[in-house]
Amino acid sequence: MKRFLSAVAAAALFASLGVGTAAAQNRAVVSQWGYANAAGAAQNGHRNGAVVNQNGRGQYARGVQDGYRNFLRMDQYGTRNSTSTTQVGSDNFSATGQEGRRLTADTIQTGRGNVAGVAQIGNGSRAVTDQDGYNNTSGIIQIGNGQDVEVRQRGEGNISVVVQSGYN
């Protein structure tokens, strides 16, 4: 658990550092190694930032941003991971971290000031975050095997927190 919390804290620190460097223009940073990795980042607007890191085999990452001052970070380790993040609007932030096997995370944010974070460790987990509106916050943490989460928020100022641990 200590290792997990340290990794999440480090990811948050690196993500906040990336926001400062993306202030002048759109910026995308992709690092890959392993076997059959794929990544894509498309940005339209100004001051958007995207960071994608992958390791292992068979991963896929997709980041799409349209608007202003949006930032996303995706990290993947293990095998057969997949993540997709789409942000439309301004001042949206998304951080996704995955470790393990066969994990999928999809984040969709439309509006302004939305924050989404997903951290998955284990096997077979799936998380979906869909937020539309203003100043919504969602955080999902899954540890273990076989979890499944889906969060949809519409409107303004919504907060959701999901923490799952164990097996099913």
Protein backbone atom coordinates (compact mmCIF):
# COMPACT_ATOMS: atom_id res chain seq x y z
CA MET A 1 0.00 0.00 0.00
CA LYS A 2 2.90 2.35 0.75
CA ARG A 3 4.31 1.72 -2.72
CA PHE A 4 0.92 2.45 -4.26
CA LEU A 5 0.45 5.73 -2.38
CA SER A 6 4.00 6.78 -3.21
CA ALA A 7 3.37 6.08 -6.89
CA VAL A 8 0.15 8.10 -6.85
CA ALA A 9 1.89 11.00 -5.08
CA ALA A 10 4.76 10.89 -7.58
CA ALA A 11 2.33 10.83 -10.51
CA ALA A 12 0.49 13.85 -9.11
CA LEU A 13 3.78 15.71 -8.66
CA PHE A 14 4.96 14.94 -12.19
CA ALA A 15 1.56 15.84 -13.59
CA SER A 16 1.62 19.22 -11.88
CA LEU A 17 5.13 19.84 -13.22
CA GLY A 18 3.91 19.05 -16.72
CA VAL A 19 1.19 21.69 -16.50
CA GLY A 20 3.76 24.45 -16.13
CA THR A 21 5.71 23.37 -19.18
CA ALA A 22 2.57 23.19 -21.29
CA ALA A 23 1.58 26.79 -20.53
CA ALA A 24 3.04 28.32 -23.70
CA GLN A 25 1.47 26.03 -26.30
CA ASN A 26 0.08 22.57 -26.86
CA ARG A 27 2.50 19.87 -25.80
CA ALA A 28 2.52 16.09 -26.00
CA VAL A 29 5.17 13.77 -24.56
CA VAL A 30 5.10 10.03 -25.34
CA SER A 31 7.55 7.41 -24.03
CA GLN A 32 7.17 3.76 -25.06
CA TRP A 33 9.14 0.55 -24.80
CA GLY A 34 8.29 -3.13 -24.98
CA TYR A 35 6.27 -4.92 -27.63
CA ALA A 36 3.37 -3.72 -29.83
CA ASN A 37 2.72 -0.43 -27.99
CA ALA A 38 0.61 2.29 -29.61
CA ALA A 39 -0.13 5.85 -28.53
CA GLY A 40 -1.88 8.85 -30.02
CA ALA A 41 -2.43 12.41 -28.88
CA ALA A 42 -4.52 15.02 -30.70
CA GLN A 43 -4.83 18.55 -29.39
CA ASN A 44 -6.83 21.48 -30.70
CA GLY A 45 -6.76 24.82 -28.92
CA HIS A 46 -4.13 26.42 -26.70
CA ARG A 47 -2.06 25.47 -23.66
CA ASN A 48 -3.07 21.81 -23.59
CA GLY A 49 -0.65 19.20 -22.27
CA ALA A 50 -0.49 15.43 -22.61
CA VAL A 51 1.93 12.90 -21.13
CA VAL A 52 1.77 9.20 -22.01
CA ASN A 53 4.18 6.54 -20.68
CA GLN A 54 3.89 2.85 -21.53
CA ASN A 55 5.89 -0.25 -20.64
CA GLY A 56 5.43 -3.96 -21.35
CA ARG A 57 3.47 -5.43 -24.24
CA GLY A 58 0.28 -4.85 -26.18
CA GLN A 59 -0.83 -1.48 -24.72
CA TYR A 60 -2.89 1.24 -26.36
CA ALA A 61 -3.25 4.88 -25.30
CA ARG A 62 -5.35 7.63 -26.84
CA GLY A 63 -5.58 11.25 -25.74
CA VAL A 64 -7.81 13.86 -27.38
CA GLN A 65 -8.13 17.43 -26.16
CA ASP A 66 -10.10 20.30 -27.63
CA GLY A 67 -10.08 23.62 -25.83
CA TYR A 68 -7.81 25.52 -23.49
CA ARG A 69 -5.57 24.65 -20.53
CA ASN A 70 -6.48 20.95 -20.42
CA PHE A 71 -3.95 18.43 -19.11
CA LEU A 72 -3.91 14.65 -19.18
CA ARG A 73 -1.45 12.05 -18.00
CA MET A 74 -1.61 8.30 -18.68
CA ASP A 75 0.87 5.71 -17.36
CA GLN A 76 0.65 2.00 -18.09
CA TYR A 77 2.73 -1.01 -17.04
CA GLY A 78 2.20 -4.75 -17.53
CA THR A 79 0.42 -6.40 -20.46
CA ARG A 80 -2.64 -5.70 -22.62
CA ASN A 81 -3.55 -2.39 -20.94
CA SER A 82 -5.73 0.16 -22.72
CA THR A 83 -6.62 3.74 -21.86
CA SER A 84 -8.50 6.55 -23.58
CA THR A 85 -8.96 10.13 -22.41
CA THR A 86 -11.05 12.80 -24.13
CA GLN A 87 -11.36 16.34 -22.79
CA VAL A 88 -13.39 19.10 -24.41
CA GLY A 89 -13.57 22.54 -22.83
CA SER A 90 -11.14 24.35 -20.57
CA ASP A 91 -9.16 23.80 -17.38
CA ASN A 92 -9.84 20.04 -17.23
CA PHE A 93 -7.35 17.66 -15.60
CA SER A 94 -7.11 13.88 -15.92
CA ALA A 95 -4.56 11.45 -14.46
CA THR A 96 -4.67 7.71 -15.13
CA GLY A 97 -2.21 5.11 -13.81
CA GLN A 98 -2.44 1.39 -14.46
CA GLU A 99 -0.31 -1.55 -13.42
CA GLY A 100 -1.08 -5.24 -13.94
CA ARG A 101 -2.83 -7.08 -16.73
CA ARG A 102 -5.83 -6.46 -19.00
CA LEU A 103 -6.85 -3.12 -17.43
CA THR A 104 -9.00 -0.56 -19.26
CA ALA A 105 -9.69 3.05 -18.29
CA ASP A 106 -11.81 5.53 -20.23
CA THR A 107 -12.17 9.16 -19.19
CA ILE A 108 -14.46 11.65 -20.91
CA GLN A 109 -14.75 15.21 -19.65
CA THR A 110 -16.74 17.99 -21.24
CA GLY A 111 -17.01 21.44 -19.74
CA ARG A 112 -14.75 23.45 -17.46
CA GLY A 113 -12.73 22.73 -14.34
CA ASN A 114 -13.37 18.99 -14.18
CA VAL A 115 -10.87 16.72 -12.43
CA ALA A 116 -10.64 12.94 -12.93
CA GLY A 117 -8.15 10.44 -11.53
CA VAL A 118 -7.99 6.66 -11.98
CA ALA A 119 -5.42 4.31 -10.41
CA GLN A 120 -5.73 0.56 -10.99
CA ILE A 121 -3.44 -2.21 -9.76
CA GLY A 122 -4.34 -5.87 -10.30
CA ASN A 123 -6.00 -7.98 -12.97
CA GLY A 124 -9.07 -7.46 -15.14
CA SER A 125 -10.17 -4.06 -13.76
CA ARG A 126 -12.23 -1.59 -15.79
CA ALA A 127 -13.05 2.04 -14.96
CA VAL A 128 -15.12 4.62 -16.84
CA THR A 129 -15.39 8.28 -15.85
CA ASP A 130 -17.80 10.49 -17.79
CA GLN A 131 -18.24 14.07 -16.58
CA ASP A 132 -20.17 16.84 -18.28
CA GLY A 133 -20.49 20.28 -16.74
CA TYR A 134 -18.42 22.44 -14.43
CA ASN A 135 -16.12 21.76 -11.48
CA ASN A 136 -16.90 18.05 -11.18
CA THR A 137 -14.44 15.75 -9.41
CA SER A 138 -14.09 11.98 -9.69
CA GLY A 139 -11.51 9.64 -8.18
CA ILE A 140 -11.37 5.86 -8.67
CA ILE A 141 -8.88 3.45 -7.06
CA GLN A 142 -9.04 -0.31 -7.66
CA ILE A 143 -6.70 -2.94 -6.22
CA GLY A 144 -7.24 -6.67 -6.74
CA ASN A 145 -8.98 -8.74 -9.40
CA GLY A 146 -12.08 -8.33 -11.53
CA GLN A 147 -13.47 -4.93 -10.45
CA ASP A 148 -15.73 -2.83 -12.64
CA VAL A 149 -16.66 0.84 -12.10
CA GLU A 150 -18.67 3.33 -14.12
CA VAL A 151 -19.21 6.94 -13.00
CA ARG A 152 -21.34 9.46 -14.87
CA GLN A 153 -21.80 13.00 -13.56
CA ARG A 154 -23.76 15.84 -15.11
CA GLY A 155 -24.10 19.38 -13.88
CA GLU A 156 -21.95 21.39 -11.52
CA GLY A 157 -19.89 20.61 -8.42
CA ASN A 158 -20.47 16.86 -8.30
CA ILE A 159 -18.02 14.69 -6.36
CA SER A 160 -17.61 10.92 -6.58
CA VAL A 161 -15.10 8.67 -4.83
CA VAL A 162 -14.89 4.92 -5.47
CA VAL A 163 -12.34 2.70 -3.73
CA GLN A 164 -12.39 -1.05 -4.30
CA SER A 165 -10.03 -3.67 -2.94
CA GLY A 166 -10.26 -7.45 -2.97
CA TYR A 167 -11.51 -10.08 -5.36
CA ASN A 168 -14.77 -10.92 -7.11
